[in-house]
Amino acid sequence: MTSFIEQQITVLNGLIETMLDSAYGYKEAAADAKNPAFKHLFEGRWLQRKQLTTELQSEVRSLGGTPDEDGTMLAAARRIFINLRNTMAGSDQSIIDEVEAGEDHIKAKFEAVLAGDELTPAVKQAVTRVYASIKVDHDQMRDIKHALQAQPAT
């Protein structure tokens, strides 16, 4: 394996770890959310992130590498999502705030990778496809967070 290929595998595995951490975070958020609509949204995101992770894992395999399968407890996104259970009484607002912070992290990580030159055009295209979904999810969570913040306290 050339060092360029190894570098691509390393970058992809970093994204995979973050995606897995995000998926687990959504699973935790679904368990903690009180609003059924948020539970449903988070459960869907959990499944979606797992599917997107599978796409990146396939890219690693196509390069001859071994994809990450477990994520990492050290990833910043995971630490953010772990805090869900410890936030103020686990209100939906606090869960949304934490999820949106996790979305900021994953979006920034993908943008940094896409701004670099570590990937071949084919691999970059796959990362771009996954990023498009990440961006939509990020923007939706941002909008939900802002809408909840705009509501008068009850």
N, C-alpha and C. Protein backbone atom coordinates (compact mmCIF):
# COMPACT_ATOMS: atom_id res chain seq x y z
N MET A 1 0.84 -1.17 0.00
CA MET A 1 0.00 0.00 0.00
C MET A 1 0.89 1.24 0.00
N THR A 2 0.55 2.20 -0.81
CA THR A 2 1.33 3.44 -0.83
C THR A 2 0.94 4.32 0.34
N SER A 3 1.80 5.24 0.68
CA SER A 3 1.49 6.13 1.80
C SER A 3 0.29 7.03 1.47
N PHE A 4 0.08 7.34 0.20
CA PHE A 4 -1.09 8.15 -0.17
C PHE A 4 -2.37 7.38 0.12
N ILE A 5 -2.38 6.11 -0.20
CA ILE A 5 -3.56 5.29 0.08
C ILE A 5 -3.75 5.16 1.59
N GLU A 6 -2.67 4.93 2.32
CA GLU A 6 -2.76 4.84 3.78
C GLU A 6 -3.31 6.13 4.37
N GLN A 7 -2.89 7.26 3.81
CA GLN A 7 -3.37 8.56 4.29
C GLN A 7 -4.88 8.69 4.06
N GLN A 8 -5.35 8.25 2.90
CA GLN A 8 -6.79 8.29 2.62
C GLN A 8 -7.57 7.41 3.59
N ILE A 9 -7.04 6.22 3.86
CA ILE A 9 -7.69 5.30 4.80
C ILE A 9 -7.76 5.93 6.19
N THR A 10 -6.67 6.56 6.60
CA THR A 10 -6.65 7.22 7.91
C THR A 10 -7.70 8.33 7.98
N VAL A 11 -7.77 9.14 6.95
CA VAL A 11 -8.75 10.23 6.92
C VAL A 11 -10.17 9.67 6.95
N LEU A 12 -10.42 8.67 6.12
CA LEU A 12 -11.76 8.06 6.09
C LEU A 12 -12.11 7.43 7.43
N ASN A 13 -11.16 6.74 8.05
CA ASN A 13 -11.45 6.12 9.35
C ASN A 13 -11.73 7.18 10.42
N GLY A 14 -11.09 8.34 10.31
CA GLY A 14 -11.41 9.43 11.22
C GLY A 14 -12.85 9.89 11.05
N LEU A 15 -13.29 9.98 9.81
CA LEU A 15 -14.69 10.35 9.55
C LEU A 15 -15.64 9.26 10.03
N ILE A 16 -15.24 8.01 9.82
CA ILE A 16 -16.07 6.88 10.26
C ILE A 16 -16.24 6.91 11.78
N GLU A 17 -15.16 7.15 12.50
CA GLU A 17 -15.26 7.24 13.96
C GLU A 17 -16.25 8.32 14.38
N THR A 18 -16.17 9.46 13.74
CA THR A 18 -17.07 10.56 14.06
C THR A 18 -18.51 10.21 13.71
N MET A 19 -18.70 9.54 12.58
CA MET A 19 -20.05 9.13 12.18
C MET A 19 -20.63 8.12 13.16
N LEU A 20 -19.82 7.16 13.59
CA LEU A 20 -20.30 6.18 14.57
C LEU A 20 -20.65 6.85 15.89
N ASP A 21 -19.79 7.76 16.32
CA ASP A 21 -20.08 8.50 17.55
C ASP A 21 -21.38 9.28 17.43
N SER A 22 -21.60 9.86 16.26
CA SER A 22 -22.83 10.61 16.01
C SER A 22 -24.04 9.68 16.04
N ALA A 23 -23.91 8.52 15.41
CA ALA A 23 -25.02 7.56 15.41
C ALA A 23 -25.38 7.16 16.83
N TYR A 24 -24.37 6.83 17.64
CA TYR A 24 -24.64 6.46 19.03
C TYR A 24 -25.25 7.63 19.80
N GLY A 25 -24.80 8.84 19.50
CA GLY A 25 -25.36 10.02 20.14
C GLY A 25 -26.83 10.19 19.82
N TYR A 26 -27.19 9.95 18.58
CA TYR A 26 -28.60 10.04 18.20
C TYR A 26 -29.42 8.96 18.89
N LYS A 27 -28.85 7.79 19.05
CA LYS A 27 -29.56 6.72 19.75
C LYS A 27 -29.84 7.15 21.19
N GLU A 28 -28.84 7.73 21.85
CA GLU A 28 -29.01 8.22 23.22
C GLU A 28 -30.03 9.37 23.27
N ALA A 29 -29.97 10.26 22.29
CA ALA A 29 -30.91 11.38 22.25
C ALA A 29 -32.34 10.87 22.09
N ALA A 30 -32.53 9.85 21.27
CA ALA A 30 -33.87 9.27 21.09
C ALA A 30 -34.39 8.70 22.40
N ALA A 31 -33.50 8.07 23.16
CA ALA A 31 -33.91 7.50 24.44
C ALA A 31 -34.27 8.58 25.45
N ASP A 32 -33.61 9.73 25.36
CA ASP A 32 -33.79 10.80 26.35
C ASP A 32 -34.90 11.79 25.98
N ALA A 33 -35.23 11.91 24.72
CA ALA A 33 -36.20 12.91 24.29
C ALA A 33 -37.58 12.58 24.83
N LYS A 34 -38.29 13.62 25.20
CA LYS A 34 -39.65 13.45 25.70
C LYS A 34 -40.69 13.62 24.60
N ASN A 35 -40.43 14.51 23.67
CA ASN A 35 -41.34 14.79 22.57
C ASN A 35 -41.27 13.62 21.57
N PRO A 36 -42.40 12.97 21.28
CA PRO A 36 -42.38 11.83 20.34
C PRO A 36 -41.83 12.20 18.96
N ALA A 37 -42.05 13.42 18.52
CA ALA A 37 -41.52 13.83 17.22
C ALA A 37 -40.00 13.85 17.24
N PHE A 38 -39.41 14.32 18.35
CA PHE A 38 -37.96 14.33 18.46
C PHE A 38 -37.42 12.90 18.57
N LYS A 39 -38.11 12.06 19.33
CA LYS A 39 -37.70 10.65 19.43
C LYS A 39 -37.64 10.03 18.03
N HIS A 40 -38.69 10.25 17.27
CA HIS A 40 -38.76 9.70 15.91
C HIS A 40 -37.63 10.26 15.03
N LEU A 41 -37.42 11.56 15.10
CA LEU A 41 -36.36 12.21 14.32
C LEU A 41 -35.00 11.61 14.68
N PHE A 42 -34.71 11.50 15.98
CA PHE A 42 -33.41 11.01 16.41
C PHE A 42 -33.21 9.53 16.06
N GLU A 43 -34.28 8.74 16.16
CA GLU A 43 -34.17 7.33 15.77
C GLU A 43 -33.86 7.21 14.27
N GLY A 44 -34.52 8.04 13.47
CA GLY A 44 -34.24 8.03 12.04
C GLY A 44 -32.82 8.45 11.73
N ARG A 45 -32.33 9.45 12.44
CA ARG A 45 -30.95 9.90 12.23
C ARG A 45 -29.95 8.83 12.65
N TRP A 46 -30.25 8.11 13.72
CA TRP A 46 -29.38 7.04 14.16
C TRP A 46 -29.22 6.01 13.05
N LEU A 47 -30.33 5.59 12.47
CA LEU A 47 -30.27 4.61 11.38
C LEU A 47 -29.58 5.19 10.14
N GLN A 48 -29.88 6.44 9.84
CA GLN A 48 -29.27 7.08 8.67
C GLN A 48 -27.76 7.19 8.83
N ARG A 49 -27.30 7.59 10.01
CA ARG A 49 -25.86 7.73 10.24
C ARG A 49 -25.16 6.38 10.14
N LYS A 50 -25.83 5.34 10.62
CA LYS A 50 -25.23 4.01 10.48
C LYS A 50 -25.09 3.64 9.00
N GLN A 51 -26.11 3.97 8.19
CA GLN A 51 -26.05 3.67 6.76
C GLN A 51 -24.95 4.48 6.07
N LEU A 52 -24.86 5.76 6.40
CA LEU A 52 -23.81 6.60 5.82
C LEU A 52 -22.43 6.11 6.23
N THR A 53 -22.32 5.63 7.45
CA THR A 53 -21.05 5.07 7.92
C THR A 53 -20.67 3.86 7.07
N THR A 54 -21.65 3.03 6.74
CA THR A 54 -21.40 1.86 5.90
C THR A 54 -20.82 2.27 4.55
N GLU A 55 -21.30 3.37 4.00
CA GLU A 55 -20.76 3.85 2.72
C GLU A 55 -19.29 4.21 2.84
N LEU A 56 -18.93 4.91 3.92
CA LEU A 56 -17.52 5.26 4.10
C LEU A 56 -16.67 4.02 4.39
N GLN A 57 -17.22 3.07 5.13
CA GLN A 57 -16.50 1.83 5.38
C GLN A 57 -16.23 1.08 4.08
N SER A 58 -17.17 1.12 3.16
CA SER A 58 -16.96 0.49 1.85
C SER A 58 -15.83 1.15 1.09
N GLU A 59 -15.72 2.46 1.21
CA GLU A 59 -14.61 3.17 0.56
C GLU A 59 -13.27 2.71 1.13
N VAL A 60 -13.20 2.54 2.44
CA VAL A 60 -11.95 2.07 3.06
C VAL A 60 -11.61 0.67 2.53
N ARG A 61 -12.60 -0.20 2.47
CA ARG A 61 -12.37 -1.55 1.95
C ARG A 61 -11.90 -1.51 0.50
N SER A 62 -12.48 -0.60 -0.29
CA SER A 62 -12.09 -0.52 -1.71
C SER A 62 -10.63 -0.06 -1.86
N LEU A 63 -10.11 0.60 -0.84
CA LEU A 63 -8.70 1.02 -0.85
C LEU A 63 -7.78 -0.05 -0.27
N GLY A 64 -8.37 -1.16 0.17
CA GLY A 64 -7.58 -2.24 0.74
C GLY A 64 -7.36 -2.13 2.23
N GLY A 65 -8.10 -1.23 2.88
CA GLY A 65 -7.92 -1.03 4.31
C GLY A 65 -8.99 -1.71 5.13
N THR A 66 -8.83 -1.60 6.44
CA THR A 66 -9.79 -2.12 7.40
C THR A 66 -10.52 -0.94 8.02
N PRO A 67 -11.83 -0.86 7.81
CA PRO A 67 -12.57 0.29 8.34
C PRO A 67 -12.80 0.18 9.83
N ASP A 68 -12.88 1.32 10.47
CA ASP A 68 -13.25 1.39 11.88
C ASP A 68 -14.67 0.85 12.01
N GLU A 69 -14.92 0.11 13.06
CA GLU A 69 -16.25 -0.48 13.28
C GLU A 69 -16.90 0.01 14.57
N ASP A 70 -16.13 0.68 15.44
CA ASP A 70 -16.65 0.96 16.78
C ASP A 70 -16.71 2.43 17.16
N GLY A 71 -16.10 3.30 16.44
CA GLY A 71 -16.02 4.68 16.89
C GLY A 71 -14.99 4.80 17.99
N THR A 72 -14.96 5.94 18.64
CA THR A 72 -13.98 6.14 19.69
C THR A 72 -14.57 6.97 20.81
N MET A 73 -14.25 6.64 22.01
CA MET A 73 -14.70 7.42 23.15
C MET A 73 -13.98 8.75 23.22
N LEU A 74 -12.91 8.92 22.48
CA LEU A 74 -12.13 10.15 22.55
C LEU A 74 -12.64 11.24 21.62
N ALA A 75 -13.50 10.88 20.69
CA ALA A 75 -13.98 11.87 19.73
C ALA A 75 -14.81 12.94 20.42
N ALA A 76 -14.61 14.17 20.01
CA ALA A 76 -15.34 15.29 20.63
C ALA A 76 -16.85 15.14 20.48
N ALA A 77 -17.30 14.64 19.35
CA ALA A 77 -18.75 14.47 19.15
C ALA A 77 -19.31 13.48 20.16
N ARG A 78 -18.59 12.43 20.43
CA ARG A 78 -19.06 11.44 21.40
C ARG A 78 -19.14 12.06 22.80
N ARG A 79 -18.14 12.83 23.16
CA ARG A 79 -18.16 13.47 24.48
C ARG A 79 -19.36 14.40 24.60
N ILE A 80 -19.66 15.10 23.53
CA ILE A 80 -20.82 16.00 23.55
C ILE A 80 -22.09 15.20 23.75
N PHE A 81 -22.23 14.11 23.00
CA PHE A 81 -23.45 13.33 23.10
C PHE A 81 -23.55 12.59 24.44
N ILE A 82 -22.45 12.18 25.03
CA ILE A 82 -22.49 11.52 26.33
C ILE A 82 -23.08 12.46 27.37
N ASN A 83 -22.85 13.74 27.22
CA ASN A 83 -23.36 14.73 28.17
C ASN A 83 -24.88 14.86 28.13
N LEU A 84 -25.52 14.25 27.15
CA LEU A 84 -26.98 14.35 27.06
C LEU A 84 -27.67 13.91 28.35
N ARG A 85 -27.23 12.83 28.92
CA ARG A 85 -27.86 12.31 30.12
C ARG A 85 -27.60 13.20 31.34
N ASN A 86 -26.59 14.06 31.24
CA ASN A 86 -26.22 14.88 32.38
C ASN A 86 -26.69 16.33 32.25
N THR A 87 -27.40 16.66 31.20
CA THR A 87 -27.84 18.04 31.02
C THR A 87 -29.03 18.32 31.91
N MET A 88 -29.33 19.57 32.04
CA MET A 88 -30.38 20.04 32.95
C MET A 88 -31.67 19.25 32.76
N ALA A 89 -31.90 18.33 33.66
CA ALA A 89 -33.14 17.55 33.71
C ALA A 89 -33.48 16.88 32.38
N GLY A 90 -32.57 16.85 31.43
CA GLY A 90 -32.83 16.17 30.18
C GLY A 90 -33.97 16.75 29.38
N SER A 91 -34.17 18.08 29.45
CA SER A 91 -35.25 18.69 28.68
C SER A 91 -34.98 18.55 27.19
N ASP A 92 -36.05 18.57 26.41
CA ASP A 92 -35.87 18.49 24.96
C ASP A 92 -35.00 19.63 24.46
N GLN A 93 -35.14 20.82 25.04
CA GLN A 93 -34.31 21.95 24.63
C GLN A 93 -32.83 21.65 24.86
N SER A 94 -32.50 21.09 26.02
CA SER A 94 -31.09 20.80 26.29
C SER A 94 -30.57 19.68 25.38
N ILE A 95 -31.42 18.72 25.07
CA ILE A 95 -31.02 17.64 24.15
C ILE A 95 -30.78 18.22 22.76
N ILE A 96 -31.69 19.05 22.29
CA ILE A 96 -31.52 19.68 20.98
C ILE A 96 -30.24 20.51 20.96
N ASP A 97 -29.97 21.26 22.02
CA ASP A 97 -28.75 22.07 22.08
C ASP A 97 -27.50 21.19 21.95
N GLU A 98 -27.47 20.07 22.65
CA GLU A 98 -26.32 19.17 22.60
C GLU A 98 -26.20 18.50 21.23
N VAL A 99 -27.32 18.08 20.68
CA VAL A 99 -27.30 17.44 19.36
C VAL A 99 -26.80 18.44 18.31
N GLU A 100 -27.27 19.68 18.40
CA GLU A 100 -26.85 20.69 17.44
C GLU A 100 -25.35 20.97 17.58
N ALA A 101 -24.83 20.95 18.79
CA ALA A 101 -23.38 21.12 18.99
C ALA A 101 -22.62 19.96 18.35
N GLY A 102 -23.15 18.76 18.48
CA GLY A 102 -22.54 17.61 17.82
C GLY A 102 -22.57 17.74 16.31
N GLU A 103 -23.67 18.27 15.80
CA GLU A 103 -23.78 18.51 14.35
C GLU A 103 -22.76 19.54 13.89
N ASP A 104 -22.54 20.57 14.69
CA ASP A 104 -21.50 21.55 14.35
C ASP A 104 -20.14 20.87 14.21
N HIS A 105 -19.86 19.97 15.15
CA HIS A 105 -18.57 19.27 15.15
C HIS A 105 -18.40 18.40 13.91
N ILE A 106 -19.39 17.57 13.61
CA ILE A 106 -19.26 16.65 12.49
C ILE A 106 -19.21 17.41 11.16
N LYS A 107 -20.00 18.45 11.04
CA LYS A 107 -19.98 19.27 9.83
C LYS A 107 -18.60 19.89 9.62
N ALA A 108 -18.02 20.43 10.69
CA ALA A 108 -16.69 21.04 10.59
C ALA A 108 -15.63 20.01 10.22
N LYS A 109 -15.75 18.81 10.76
CA LYS A 109 -14.78 17.76 10.44
C LYS A 109 -14.84 17.39 8.96
N PHE A 110 -16.04 17.24 8.44
CA PHE A 110 -16.18 16.92 7.02
C PHE A 110 -15.67 18.07 6.15
N GLU A 111 -15.99 19.29 6.53
CA GLU A 111 -15.53 20.44 5.75
C GLU A 111 -14.01 20.53 5.72
N ALA A 112 -13.37 20.24 6.83
CA ALA A 112 -11.91 20.26 6.88
C ALA A 112 -11.32 19.21 5.94
N VAL A 113 -11.90 18.03 5.94
CA VAL A 113 -11.42 16.96 5.05
C VAL A 113 -11.63 17.36 3.59
N LEU A 114 -12.80 17.89 3.28
CA LEU A 114 -13.09 18.26 1.90
C LEU A 114 -12.24 19.44 1.43
N ALA A 115 -11.79 20.28 2.34
CA ALA A 115 -10.93 21.41 1.97
C ALA A 115 -9.49 20.97 1.72
N GLY A 116 -9.14 19.81 2.21
CA GLY A 116 -7.77 19.31 2.05
C GLY A 116 -7.57 18.61 0.73
N ASP A 117 -6.37 18.07 0.57
CA ASP A 117 -6.05 17.38 -0.68
C ASP A 117 -5.59 15.94 -0.42
N GLU A 118 -6.12 15.33 0.66
CA GLU A 118 -5.72 13.98 1.03
C GLU A 118 -6.44 12.89 0.26
N LEU A 119 -7.50 13.24 -0.46
CA LEU A 119 -8.34 12.23 -1.09
C LEU A 119 -8.26 12.28 -2.61
N THR A 120 -8.39 11.10 -3.21
CA THR A 120 -8.50 11.04 -4.66
C THR A 120 -9.86 11.60 -5.06
N PRO A 121 -10.03 11.97 -6.31
CA PRO A 121 -11.34 12.49 -6.72
C PRO A 121 -12.49 11.51 -6.45
N ALA A 122 -12.28 10.23 -6.64
CA ALA A 122 -13.34 9.25 -6.42
C ALA A 122 -13.73 9.17 -4.95
N VAL A 123 -12.74 9.15 -4.06
CA VAL A 123 -13.02 9.08 -2.63
C VAL A 123 -13.62 10.40 -2.16
N LYS A 124 -13.11 11.50 -2.69
CA LYS A 124 -13.66 12.81 -2.33
C LYS A 124 -15.12 12.91 -2.74
N GLN A 125 -15.47 12.32 -3.86
CA GLN A 125 -16.86 12.32 -4.31
C GLN A 125 -17.75 11.56 -3.32
N ALA A 126 -17.27 10.44 -2.80
CA ALA A 126 -18.04 9.67 -1.82
C ALA A 126 -18.20 10.47 -0.53
N VAL A 127 -17.13 11.12 -0.08
CA VAL A 127 -17.18 11.93 1.13
C VAL A 127 -18.14 13.11 0.92
N THR A 128 -18.13 13.68 -0.26
CA THR A 128 -19.02 14.79 -0.58
C THR A 128 -20.48 14.36 -0.52
N ARG A 129 -20.77 13.15 -1.00
CA ARG A 129 -22.15 12.63 -0.93
C ARG A 129 -22.61 12.50 0.53
N VAL A 130 -21.75 11.98 1.37
CA VAL A 130 -22.10 11.83 2.79
C VAL A 130 -22.23 13.21 3.44
N TYR A 131 -21.31 14.11 3.09
CA TYR A 131 -21.34 15.47 3.65
C TYR A 131 -22.65 16.18 3.31
N ALA A 132 -23.18 15.96 2.12
CA ALA A 132 -24.43 16.62 1.73
C ALA A 132 -25.54 16.27 2.72
N SER A 133 -25.59 15.02 3.15
CA SER A 133 -26.58 14.61 4.14
C SER A 133 -26.28 15.22 5.50
N ILE A 134 -25.01 15.25 5.86
CA ILE A 134 -24.59 15.85 7.14
C ILE A 134 -25.01 17.33 7.17
N LYS A 135 -24.80 18.03 6.09
CA LYS A 135 -25.12 19.46 6.02
C LYS A 135 -26.62 19.69 6.19
N VAL A 136 -27.43 18.89 5.52
CA VAL A 136 -28.89 19.01 5.63
C VAL A 136 -29.31 18.76 7.08
N ASP A 137 -28.75 17.69 7.67
CA ASP A 137 -29.09 17.37 9.06
C ASP A 137 -28.67 18.49 10.01
N HIS A 138 -27.47 19.01 9.80
CA HIS A 138 -26.97 20.11 10.63
C HIS A 138 -27.92 21.30 10.55
N ASP A 139 -28.26 21.68 9.34
CA ASP A 139 -29.11 22.86 9.16
C ASP A 139 -30.48 22.65 9.78
N GLN A 140 -31.02 21.44 9.68
CA GLN A 140 -32.32 21.17 10.30
C GLN A 140 -32.22 21.28 11.82
N MET A 141 -31.17 20.73 12.41
CA MET A 141 -31.03 20.81 13.86
C MET A 141 -30.82 22.26 14.30
N ARG A 142 -30.07 23.01 13.54
CA ARG A 142 -29.89 24.44 13.85
C ARG A 142 -31.22 25.15 13.84
N ASP A 143 -32.03 24.88 12.83
CA ASP A 143 -33.33 25.53 12.71
C ASP A 143 -34.27 25.13 13.85
N ILE A 144 -34.26 23.85 14.24
CA ILE A 144 -35.08 23.39 15.36
C ILE A 144 -34.63 24.08 16.64
N LYS A 145 -33.32 24.15 16.83
CA LYS A 145 -32.78 24.80 18.04
C LYS A 145 -33.24 26.26 18.10
N HIS A 146 -33.12 26.98 17.00
CA HIS A 146 -33.52 28.38 16.99
C HIS A 146 -35.02 28.55 17.19
N ALA A 147 -35.81 27.65 16.62
CA ALA A 147 -37.27 27.72 16.80
C ALA A 147 -37.66 27.47 18.26
N LEU A 148 -36.99 26.52 18.90
CA LEU A 148 -37.28 26.26 20.31
C LEU A 148 -36.86 27.43 21.18
N GLN A 149 -35.74 28.05 20.86
CA GLN A 149 -35.27 29.20 21.63
C GLN A 149 -36.21 30.39 21.49
N ALA A 150 -36.87 30.48 20.36
CA ALA A 150 -37.77 31.62 20.11
C ALA A 150 -39.12 31.45 20.81
N GLN A 151 -39.43 30.23 21.23
CA GLN A 151 -40.71 30.00 21.90
C GLN A 151 -40.66 30.58 23.32
N PRO A 152 -41.76 31.17 23.74
CA PRO A 152 -41.80 31.70 25.11
C PRO A 152 -41.72 30.56 26.12
N ALA A 153 -41.06 30.81 27.22
CA ALA A 153 -40.95 29.82 28.29
C ALA A 153 -42.33 29.57 28.90
N THR A 154 -42.58 28.30 29.21
CA THR A 154 -43.89 27.98 29.81
C THR A 154 -43.76 27.69 31.28
